Protein backbone atom coordinates (compact mmCIF):
# COMPACT_ATOMS: atom_id res chain seq x y z
CA MET A 1 5.76 27.97 -4.82
CA LYS A 2 9.00 25.69 -4.27
CA LEU A 3 8.44 22.13 -5.13
CA VAL A 4 8.50 19.04 -2.49
CA THR A 5 11.48 16.86 -3.80
CA ILE A 6 12.28 13.74 -3.01
CA ILE A 7 14.75 12.65 -5.65
CA GLY A 8 18.02 10.80 -5.65
CA LEU A 9 20.52 9.52 -8.28
CA LEU A 10 19.96 6.28 -9.59
CA ALA A 11 21.51 3.53 -11.29
CA SER A 12 20.08 1.08 -13.70
CA LEU A 13 20.68 -2.37 -12.16
CA ALA A 14 19.20 -6.03 -14.21
CA GLY A 15 16.75 -7.45 -11.88
CA PRO A 16 15.85 -11.37 -11.45
CA SER A 17 15.45 -13.18 -14.96
CA GLY A 18 16.42 -9.85 -16.72
CA ARG A 19 13.79 -7.84 -15.56
CA GLY A 20 14.52 -4.31 -15.30
CA TYR A 21 15.35 -2.77 -11.79
CA ALA A 22 16.72 0.23 -10.51
CA GLN A 23 18.87 1.01 -7.12
CA HIS A 24 18.55 4.31 -5.59
CA VAL A 25 21.41 6.18 -4.18
CA PRO A 26 20.19 7.53 -0.87
CA ALA A 27 19.24 11.22 -0.60
CA PRO A 28 17.53 12.96 2.07
CA PRO A 29 14.14 14.58 1.38
CA VAL A 30 13.95 17.99 0.80
CA THR A 31 10.06 19.52 1.72
CA ASN A 32 8.69 22.90 2.39
CA SER A 33 6.31 23.94 5.01
CA ALA A 34 3.23 24.58 2.93
CA ILE A 35 2.78 20.80 1.90
CA PRO A 36 4.60 18.66 4.42
CA VAL A 37 5.51 15.14 3.28
CA VAL A 38 6.54 12.77 5.83
CA ARG A 39 7.74 8.94 4.99
CA VAL A 40 5.55 6.64 7.54
CA SER A 41 7.26 3.51 7.01
CA THR A 42 10.47 1.95 4.92
CA GLY A 43 11.32 -1.58 3.73
CA ARG A 44 9.23 -3.66 1.51
CA ILE A 45 6.21 -1.87 2.13
CA ILE A 46 3.29 -0.34 0.53
CA HIS A 47 -0.08 1.06 0.79
CA ARG A 48 -2.98 -0.60 -1.41
CA PHE A 49 -4.35 1.49 -4.19
CA PHE A 50 -5.68 5.06 -5.50
CA ASP A 51 -9.08 4.56 -4.53
CA THR A 52 -9.12 3.33 -0.88
CA SER A 53 -6.75 5.28 1.99
CA PRO A 54 -4.59 3.41 4.28
CA LEU A 55 -5.52 6.01 7.12
CA SER A 56 -8.10 4.54 9.14
CA PRO A 57 -11.60 6.16 9.51
CA SER A 58 -10.43 7.78 12.67
CA GLY A 59 -7.10 8.96 10.80
CA ARG A 60 -5.11 7.34 13.93
CA TYR A 61 -3.69 4.53 11.88
CA LEU A 62 -2.36 3.40 8.69
CA ALA A 63 -2.86 -0.19 7.42
CA LEU A 64 -0.19 -1.31 5.13
CA PHE A 65 1.72 -4.48 3.53
CA ARG A 66 5.28 -5.67 3.74
CA PHE A 67 6.61 -8.04 1.20
CA PRO A 68 8.94 -10.93 2.40
CA GLN A 69 11.14 -9.66 -0.84
CA GLU A 70 10.45 -7.31 -3.59
CA THR A 71 12.96 -8.63 -6.59
CA ARG A 72 11.04 -11.65 -7.60
CA SER A 73 7.57 -13.15 -8.28
CA PRO A 74 5.77 -14.26 -5.09
CA LYS A 75 5.64 -18.43 -4.60
CA PRO A 76 2.24 -19.96 -3.21
CA GLY A 77 2.26 -19.95 0.15
CA GLU A 78 4.57 -17.21 0.88
CA ALA A 79 3.70 -14.97 3.52
CA GLY A 80 3.98 -11.23 3.68
CA GLU A 81 2.98 -8.94 6.56
CA VAL A 82 0.04 -6.81 7.60
CA VAL A 83 1.44 -3.79 9.50
CA LEU A 84 -0.10 -1.23 11.49
CA VAL A 85 1.49 2.21 11.99
CA ASP A 86 0.02 4.46 15.14
CA ARG A 87 0.31 8.24 13.90
CA GLN A 88 0.27 9.42 17.83
CA THR A 89 2.90 7.18 19.14
CA GLY A 90 4.78 6.60 15.62
CA GLN A 91 5.23 2.91 16.62
CA GLU A 92 4.89 0.33 13.71
CA ARG A 93 3.64 -3.52 14.38
CA VAL A 94 2.84 -6.54 12.57
CA VAL A 95 -0.33 -6.98 13.23
CA THR A 96 -0.86 -10.43 11.16
CA GLN A 97 0.50 -12.17 8.09
CA SER A 98 -0.90 -13.16 4.54
CA ARG A 99 -0.43 -15.51 1.97
CA GLY A 100 -2.87 -13.92 -0.57
CA TRP A 101 -1.18 -11.13 -2.23
CA GLU A 102 0.92 -10.20 -5.28
CA MET A 103 3.45 -7.37 -6.19
CA GLN A 104 1.06 -4.27 -7.41
CA LEU A 105 -1.69 -4.36 -4.36
CA GLY A 106 -0.24 -6.55 -2.10
CA ALA A 107 -3.07 -8.42 0.20
CA GLN A 108 -5.90 -5.64 -0.70
CA VAL A 109 -5.02 -4.28 3.10
CA GLN A 110 -8.16 -1.89 3.66
CA TRP A 111 -10.40 -0.63 6.02
CA GLY A 112 -13.95 -0.66 6.60
CA ARG A 113 -16.53 1.37 8.30
CA THR A 114 -14.35 1.72 11.82
CA ASP A 115 -10.80 1.18 13.16
CA GLU A 116 -11.70 -2.21 14.19
CA GLU A 117 -12.78 -3.16 11.03
CA LEU A 118 -9.39 -4.23 8.79
CA PHE A 119 -10.22 -6.44 5.46
CA PHE A 120 -7.44 -8.46 3.58
CA ASN A 121 -7.05 -11.51 1.67
CA ASP A 122 -5.30 -14.76 2.52
CA VAL A 123 -5.27 -18.41 1.22
CA ASP A 124 -5.56 -21.54 3.03
CA THR A 125 -2.48 -23.48 1.82
CA THR A 126 -3.88 -27.01 2.76
CA THR A 127 -6.85 -26.33 -0.06
CA TRP A 128 -5.41 -23.53 -1.78
CA GLN A 129 -8.85 -21.77 -1.37
CA ALA A 130 -8.26 -17.74 -1.38
CA PHE A 131 -10.40 -16.00 1.19
CA ALA A 132 -10.94 -12.45 2.88
CA ILE A 133 -10.15 -11.71 6.44
CA LEU A 134 -11.75 -9.36 8.78
CA PHE A 135 -9.45 -8.36 11.57
CA ASN A 136 -9.98 -6.33 14.43
CA PRO A 137 -6.31 -4.67 15.11
CA ILE A 138 -7.39 -3.10 18.37
CA THR A 139 -8.73 -6.71 19.79
CA ASN A 140 -6.56 -9.02 17.30
CA GLN A 141 -9.64 -11.20 16.66
CA SER A 142 -10.15 -12.36 13.28
CA ARG A 143 -13.18 -13.92 11.09
CA ARG A 144 -12.62 -15.86 8.03
CA LEU A 145 -15.00 -14.46 4.78
CA GLY A 146 -16.60 -16.41 2.67
CA GLY A 147 -15.27 -14.57 -0.40
CA THR A 148 -12.33 -12.82 -1.46
CA VAL A 149 -11.81 -8.67 -1.30
CA PHE A 150 -10.75 -6.32 -3.95
CA MET A 151 -13.08 -3.31 -2.48
CA VAL A 152 -14.96 -2.88 0.55
CA SER A 153 -18.48 -0.65 0.52
CA ALA A 154 -17.31 2.27 2.71
CA ASP A 155 -19.88 1.39 5.43
CA GLY A 156 -18.39 -1.90 5.76
CA ARG A 157 -21.26 -4.02 4.94
CA TRP A 158 -20.22 -5.64 1.55
CA LEU A 159 -16.80 -7.11 -0.24
CA ALA A 160 -16.91 -6.89 -3.88
CA SER A 161 -14.10 -9.07 -5.90
CA HIS A 162 -13.40 -10.57 -9.26
CA ASN A 163 -11.61 -13.76 -9.64
CA LEU A 164 -8.23 -12.95 -8.04
CA ILE A 165 -6.76 -15.95 -9.02
CA ASN A 166 -7.93 -16.19 -12.78
CA SER A 167 -7.12 -12.79 -13.31
CA ARG A 168 -3.32 -13.25 -13.78
CA TYR A 169 -4.28 -13.91 -17.27
CA ALA A 170 -5.52 -10.66 -17.58
CA GLN A 171 -2.87 -9.06 -15.37
CA VAL A 172 -0.59 -9.97 -13.37
CA GLY A 173 0.12 -8.45 -9.73
CA TYR A 174 -3.35 -7.52 -8.56
CA GLY A 175 -4.49 -10.87 -7.18
CA VAL A 176 -3.57 -13.86 -5.07
CA ILE A 177 -1.11 -16.92 -6.04
CA VAL A 178 -2.06 -20.42 -5.93
CA PRO A 179 -0.42 -23.30 -7.66
CA GLU A 180 -0.62 -23.31 -11.41
CA ASP A 181 -2.49 -26.18 -11.30
CA ARG A 182 -5.48 -24.43 -9.55
CA VAL A 183 -5.69 -21.52 -12.21
CA SER A 184 -7.90 -21.98 -15.06
CA ARG A 185 -8.55 -20.24 -18.63
CA ASN A 186 -11.79 -18.72 -19.43
CA ILE A 187 -12.78 -19.47 -22.79
CA GLY A 188 -15.62 -17.26 -24.24
CA PRO A 189 -17.83 -15.25 -21.97
CA VAL A 190 -18.40 -17.93 -19.41
CA ASP A 191 -20.90 -18.29 -16.38
CA THR A 192 -18.69 -19.87 -13.93
CA ASP A 193 -16.66 -16.51 -13.20
CA GLY A 194 -17.38 -12.87 -12.70
CA ILE A 195 -17.98 -10.37 -9.75
CA THR A 196 -18.92 -11.73 -6.49
CA ILE A 197 -20.45 -10.06 -3.28
CA THR A 198 -19.67 -11.38 0.33
CA ASP A 199 -21.84 -10.05 3.21
CA VAL A 200 -19.51 -9.46 6.02
CA ARG A 201 -22.30 -9.76 8.74
CA THR A 202 -22.92 -13.40 7.56
CA GLY A 203 -19.62 -14.08 5.66
CA GLN A 204 -21.47 -15.60 3.04
CA SER A 205 -20.38 -15.19 -0.59
CA ARG A 206 -22.14 -15.52 -3.85
CA GLN A 207 -21.71 -14.39 -7.59
CA LEU A 208 -23.44 -11.23 -8.21
CA VAL A 209 -22.95 -11.46 -12.11
CA SER A 210 -21.14 -13.96 -14.67
CA ILE A 211 -19.26 -12.35 -17.35
CA ARG A 212 -21.43 -14.16 -19.78
CA ASP A 213 -24.37 -11.86 -17.99
CA ILE A 214 -21.94 -8.79 -18.79
CA TYR A 215 -21.62 -9.91 -22.10
CA GLY A 216 -25.13 -10.87 -23.08
CA LYS A 217 -26.79 -8.00 -21.10
CA SER A 218 -24.98 -4.36 -20.99
CA VAL A 219 -26.00 -1.64 -22.82
CA PRO A 220 -24.74 -0.87 -25.23
CA SER A 221 -23.99 -4.20 -26.15
CA ILE A 222 -20.20 -5.33 -26.38
CA ALA A 223 -20.86 -8.52 -28.37
CA ILE A 224 -18.76 -9.55 -30.81
CA PRO A 225 -19.29 -12.33 -33.71
CA ASN A 226 -16.79 -14.95 -32.40
CA PRO A 227 -16.49 -14.98 -28.48
CA GLN A 228 -15.38 -18.27 -28.42
CA ALA A 229 -12.21 -17.46 -29.98
CA PHE A 230 -11.50 -15.09 -27.10
CA GLU A 231 -10.41 -15.39 -23.17
CA TYR A 232 -12.64 -13.20 -21.16
CA TYR A 233 -11.79 -11.81 -17.54
CA CYS A 234 -13.08 -9.27 -15.44
CA PHE A 235 -10.09 -6.97 -13.84
CA GLN A 236 -10.88 -4.89 -10.79
CA VAL A 237 -14.41 -3.92 -9.16
CA LYS A 238 -14.88 -0.83 -7.27
CA TRP A 239 -18.26 0.20 -5.07
CA ASN A 240 -19.02 3.80 -5.53
CA PRO A 241 -18.77 5.84 -2.02
CA GLN A 242 -22.48 5.50 -1.75
CA GLY A 243 -22.43 1.63 -2.21
CA THR A 244 -25.30 1.81 -4.60
CA ARG A 245 -23.37 0.93 -7.89
CA LEU A 246 -20.50 -1.10 -8.81
CA LEU A 247 -17.83 -0.67 -11.79
CA THR A 248 -15.76 -3.08 -13.51
CA THR A 249 -13.76 -3.50 -16.49
CA VAL A 250 -13.96 -6.36 -18.80
CA GLN A 251 -11.26 -7.54 -20.97
CA TRP A 252 -10.99 -9.80 -23.64
CA SER A 253 -8.19 -11.41 -26.07
CA LEU A 254 -7.67 -14.14 -28.64
CA ARG A 255 -6.66 -17.41 -27.49
CA THR A 256 -3.86 -17.11 -29.87
CA GLY A 257 -2.41 -14.26 -28.53
CA GLY A 258 -2.75 -10.48 -29.62
CA PRO A 259 -3.92 -7.17 -28.23
CA ARG A 260 -6.75 -6.96 -25.69
CA GLN A 261 -9.94 -5.35 -25.85
CA ARG A 262 -11.51 -3.76 -22.64
CA ALA A 263 -14.60 -1.94 -21.76
CA VAL A 264 -15.84 -0.04 -18.44
CA ILE A 265 -19.12 -1.61 -17.30
CA THR A 266 -21.18 -0.18 -14.54
CA MET A 267 -24.54 -1.94 -12.40
CA ARG A 268 -26.36 -1.71 -9.60
CA ALA A 269 -25.65 -3.12 -6.32
CA ASP A 270 -28.02 -5.87 -6.91
CA GLY A 271 -26.42 -6.76 -10.31
CA SER A 272 -28.95 -5.33 -12.19
CA ASP A 273 -28.90 -2.23 -14.88
CA LEU A 274 -25.71 -3.16 -16.49
CA ARG A 275 -24.31 -0.33 -18.32
CA THR A 276 -21.46 0.12 -20.90
CA ALA A 277 -19.73 3.41 -19.34
CA ILE A 278 -16.82 3.34 -21.75
CA THR A 279 -16.75 1.35 -25.11
CA PRO A 280 -14.37 -1.07 -26.43
CA ASP A 281 -13.87 1.66 -29.44
CA GLN A 282 -13.26 4.72 -26.77
CA TRP A 283 -10.68 3.02 -24.61
CA ALA A 284 -8.78 1.55 -27.83
CA ARG A 285 -8.09 5.03 -28.52
CA GLY A 286 -5.89 5.13 -25.58
CA GLY A 287 -6.69 5.00 -21.73
CA HIS A 288 -6.30 3.90 -18.39
CA HIS A 289 -7.44 3.82 -14.82
CA ILE A 290 -11.10 4.13 -13.83
CA ASN A 291 -12.76 5.46 -10.64
CA TRP A 292 -15.81 6.49 -9.29
CA THR A 293 -16.28 10.05 -8.68
CA PRO A 294 -17.57 11.61 -5.43
CA ASP A 295 -20.99 11.88 -6.27
CA GLY A 296 -21.53 8.21 -7.13
CA GLU A 297 -23.15 9.11 -10.50
CA HIS A 298 -19.82 9.75 -12.44
CA LEU A 299 -16.83 7.98 -13.15
CA SER A 300 -13.24 9.21 -14.09
CA MET A 301 -10.42 8.16 -16.29
CA ASN A 302 -7.78 9.04 -18.27
CA LEU A 303 -8.96 8.75 -21.91
CA ASN A 304 -7.85 10.04 -25.22
CA VAL A 305 -10.84 11.91 -26.47
CA ASP A 306 -9.66 14.33 -29.29
CA GLY A 307 -7.27 12.06 -31.34
CA LYS A 308 -4.05 14.07 -30.68
CA PRO A 309 -0.99 12.47 -28.63
CA GLY A 310 -1.74 12.05 -24.84
CA LEU A 311 -4.67 11.56 -22.57
CA GLU A 312 -7.48 13.78 -21.06
CA LEU A 313 -8.62 13.36 -17.54
CA ILE A 314 -12.28 12.90 -18.02
CA THR A 315 -15.51 11.99 -16.18
CA VAL A 316 -18.59 10.18 -17.68
CA ARG A 317 -21.86 9.26 -16.17
CA TYR A 318 -22.42 5.63 -15.16
CA ASP A 319 -24.42 5.17 -18.49
CA GLY A 320 -21.82 6.31 -21.02
CA SER A 321 -23.39 9.98 -21.09
CA ASP A 322 -22.32 13.14 -19.82
CA LEU A 323 -18.58 12.77 -21.06
CA LYS A 324 -16.45 15.86 -20.29
CA THR A 325 -12.93 16.41 -20.25
CA VAL A 326 -11.62 18.04 -16.69
CA PHE A 327 -8.23 18.32 -16.72
CA SER A 328 -5.58 18.00 -19.60
CA PRO A 329 -3.10 16.16 -19.42
CA GLY A 330 -4.33 13.63 -17.65
CA SER A 331 -2.06 10.49 -16.33
CA GLY A 332 -1.36 8.18 -13.66
CA HIS A 333 -3.83 7.04 -10.96
CA PRO A 334 -6.26 10.17 -10.49
CA SER A 335 -9.09 10.73 -7.98
CA LEU A 336 -11.33 13.89 -7.23
CA HIS A 337 -11.29 15.29 -3.82
CA PRO A 338 -14.10 13.53 -1.74
CA GLY A 339 -15.35 16.63 -0.01
CA GLY A 340 -16.13 18.43 -3.30
CA LEU A 341 -13.17 20.86 -3.19
CA PRO A 342 -12.22 21.29 -6.87
CA PHE A 343 -8.97 19.24 -6.60
CA ILE A 344 -7.47 16.07 -8.22
CA VAL A 345 -4.80 14.27 -7.02
CA THR A 346 -3.02 12.12 -9.35
CA ASP A 347 0.56 10.77 -10.10
CA ALA A 348 2.17 9.47 -13.63
CA TYR A 349 3.95 6.77 -15.40
CA PRO A 350 7.67 7.22 -15.82
CA ASP A 351 6.68 7.20 -20.16
CA GLU A 352 4.04 9.77 -19.37
CA LEU A 353 4.43 13.73 -19.42
CA GLY A 354 7.76 13.38 -20.99
CA LEU A 355 9.48 11.69 -17.82
CA ILE A 356 12.28 9.71 -18.22
CA GLU A 357 14.35 9.49 -15.37
CA GLY A 358 12.45 7.00 -13.02
CA SER A 359 10.76 9.89 -11.01
CA VAL A 360 7.25 11.08 -11.33
CA PRO A 361 5.24 13.86 -9.72
CA ILE A 362 2.42 13.62 -7.35
CA ARG A 363 0.22 16.10 -8.99
CA LEU A 364 -2.32 18.53 -7.56
CA MET A 365 -4.51 19.29 -10.04
CA ASN A 366 -7.35 22.35 -9.80
CA LYS A 367 -10.00 21.34 -12.31
CA GLN A 368 -11.58 24.87 -11.85
CA THR A 369 -8.65 26.90 -12.68
CA GLY A 370 -6.91 24.75 -14.97
CA GLN A 371 -3.55 24.93 -12.87
CA GLU A 372 -1.40 22.38 -10.99
CA GLN A 373 1.63 22.15 -8.61
CA THR A 374 3.35 19.35 -7.56
CA ILE A 375 3.14 17.81 -3.86
CA ALA A 376 6.59 15.78 -4.49
CA SER A 377 8.52 14.57 -7.03
CA ILE A 378 8.96 10.81 -5.97
CA PHE A 379 11.68 8.17 -7.20
CA VAL A 380 9.75 4.80 -8.41
CA SER A 381 12.67 3.27 -10.25
CA LYS A 382 12.67 1.94 -13.84
CA ALA A 383 10.95 -1.73 -12.88
CA GLN A 384 8.47 -2.89 -15.09
CA GLY A 385 5.77 -5.26 -15.17
CA GLU A 386 4.63 -7.11 -11.79
CA PHE A 387 7.52 -5.19 -10.06
CA ARG A 388 6.63 -1.48 -11.23
CA ILE A 389 6.40 0.67 -8.25
CA ASP A 390 3.59 3.06 -8.65
CA PRO A 391 2.92 5.77 -6.11
CA HIS A 392 -1.30 5.46 -6.24
CA PRO A 393 -1.90 8.48 -4.30
CA ALA A 394 -5.02 8.15 -2.44
CA TRP A 395 -7.14 10.85 -0.53
CA ASP A 396 -8.05 9.75 3.18
CA ARG A 397 -11.95 10.06 3.98
CA SER A 398 -11.35 13.77 5.27
CA GLY A 399 -9.65 14.89 2.07
CA ARG A 400 -6.98 16.80 3.83
CA TYR A 401 -3.95 14.01 3.55
CA VAL A 402 -2.69 12.16 0.52
CA VAL A 403 -0.72 9.11 1.05
CA PHE A 404 1.50 7.28 -1.92
CA ASN A 405 4.25 5.02 -2.36
CA GLY A 406 7.96 5.66 -3.47
CA PHE A 407 11.38 3.88 -4.04
CA VAL A 408 13.95 5.78 -1.78
CA ASP A 409 17.16 3.96 0.02
CA GLY A 410 16.62 0.97 -2.47
CA THR A 411 13.23 -0.34 -1.19
CA ARG A 412 9.66 0.46 -1.35
CA ASN A 413 8.57 3.44 1.26
CA VAL A 414 5.14 4.69 2.34
CA PHE A 415 4.88 8.87 2.34
CA ILE A 416 1.73 10.99 3.44
CA ALA A 417 1.61 14.74 2.44
CA ASP A 418 -0.73 17.22 4.66
CA LEU A 419 -2.65 19.38 2.62
CA LYS A 420 -4.58 21.25 5.26
CA ASN A 421 -3.07 24.85 4.43
CA ARG A 422 -3.02 24.62 0.98
CA LEU A 423 -7.05 23.28 0.91
CA GLU A 424 -7.80 25.87 3.54
CA ALA A 425 -6.62 28.66 1.35
CA VAL A 426 -8.86 27.52 -1.47
CA GLY A 427 -11.96 26.89 0.72
CA LYS A 428 -11.66 30.40 1.90
CA ASN A 429 -11.31 31.61 -1.52
CA ASN A 430 -14.21 29.37 -3.16
CA PRO A 431 -16.55 28.69 -0.04
CA SER A 432 -19.18 26.86 -2.14
CA GLY A 433 -16.17 24.46 -3.23
CA LYS A 434 -17.16 24.19 -6.79
């Protein structure tokens, strides 16, 4: 099958402070009729991440985030735009602004249960307090909530978040920006930081588990002899589709500098039953990007399990058991089809799979047959660090569409691929979907 290609010439360009950046010489997309790909928005704009879809529950709207600029770090109080694209009319409008964002995931813009529930982060610049907003894009009414949001439960009932301010010491680009004197370091496994949840109905937020809880109660144990010599942070937190469990990663590195150690931790929605799904030793062999699978009992991840170069895409039960390789090679940001079809979608980093040109594939992999095809080959530039442009391909809730980011015409863009024909063909040949 002819590949969908969205590739242009590129020239390397030194960005601010010597950071690697790239400029794209415009080239029109070339698509085929089997998997049509459409650019839905352009100009400093992204969708959030690979674990939530920017498509609204009805499928009518896309919720995106537009940066005020895209070549330097955000400043405290600098506002970006929450953007709504109407797929029926093609119209795009700015529905509100946010000062609670960074370069990788924007303001964490994502949907709740209906098209009238849109969540994102903001910052009060008089107090420098970060918080989540529940916004109704139909009525333009909004409500401030008590905590921040990294991920909303599928029913829109609960928000979960790690510390989006302090976590910049874990990794820059995924939180919110406040003045430096408002950011603190976690020395040892502290009880003042951890995972918070917010009740959307009441707006009240509370700490669900602390880093000290995770350190002391996770099974198998992640305890070490000298924890006070390390800084500890949670990084990312995700609901399973059923809203019954959460996952997070905890990472620690020496206060004097050096490589970080990481583990994947799961828990029930009430913070109990803390389990180490991926141990530090397992992760140290190589791995990245954890996600829930649709059954809510297993997780998927790129992980080196055979000791050979490269990563495998694995699934593992929330307690660390039942680890299986489901596709090889792994790469990028993988997620399984939400409706149970044997498909996995992912992208790749420019240094994975032997890629060197600044373009990466959006991979559609069939775990049943072991075969894959490329939905698109998208230019992402050679930007690095917090300015890196990741496609973050995400299934919509129906499992028909995949939305991803790209860098075309010298700026960030958002694209949508329609997999209807491909999925229907597989469904006819495999009615069980297994």
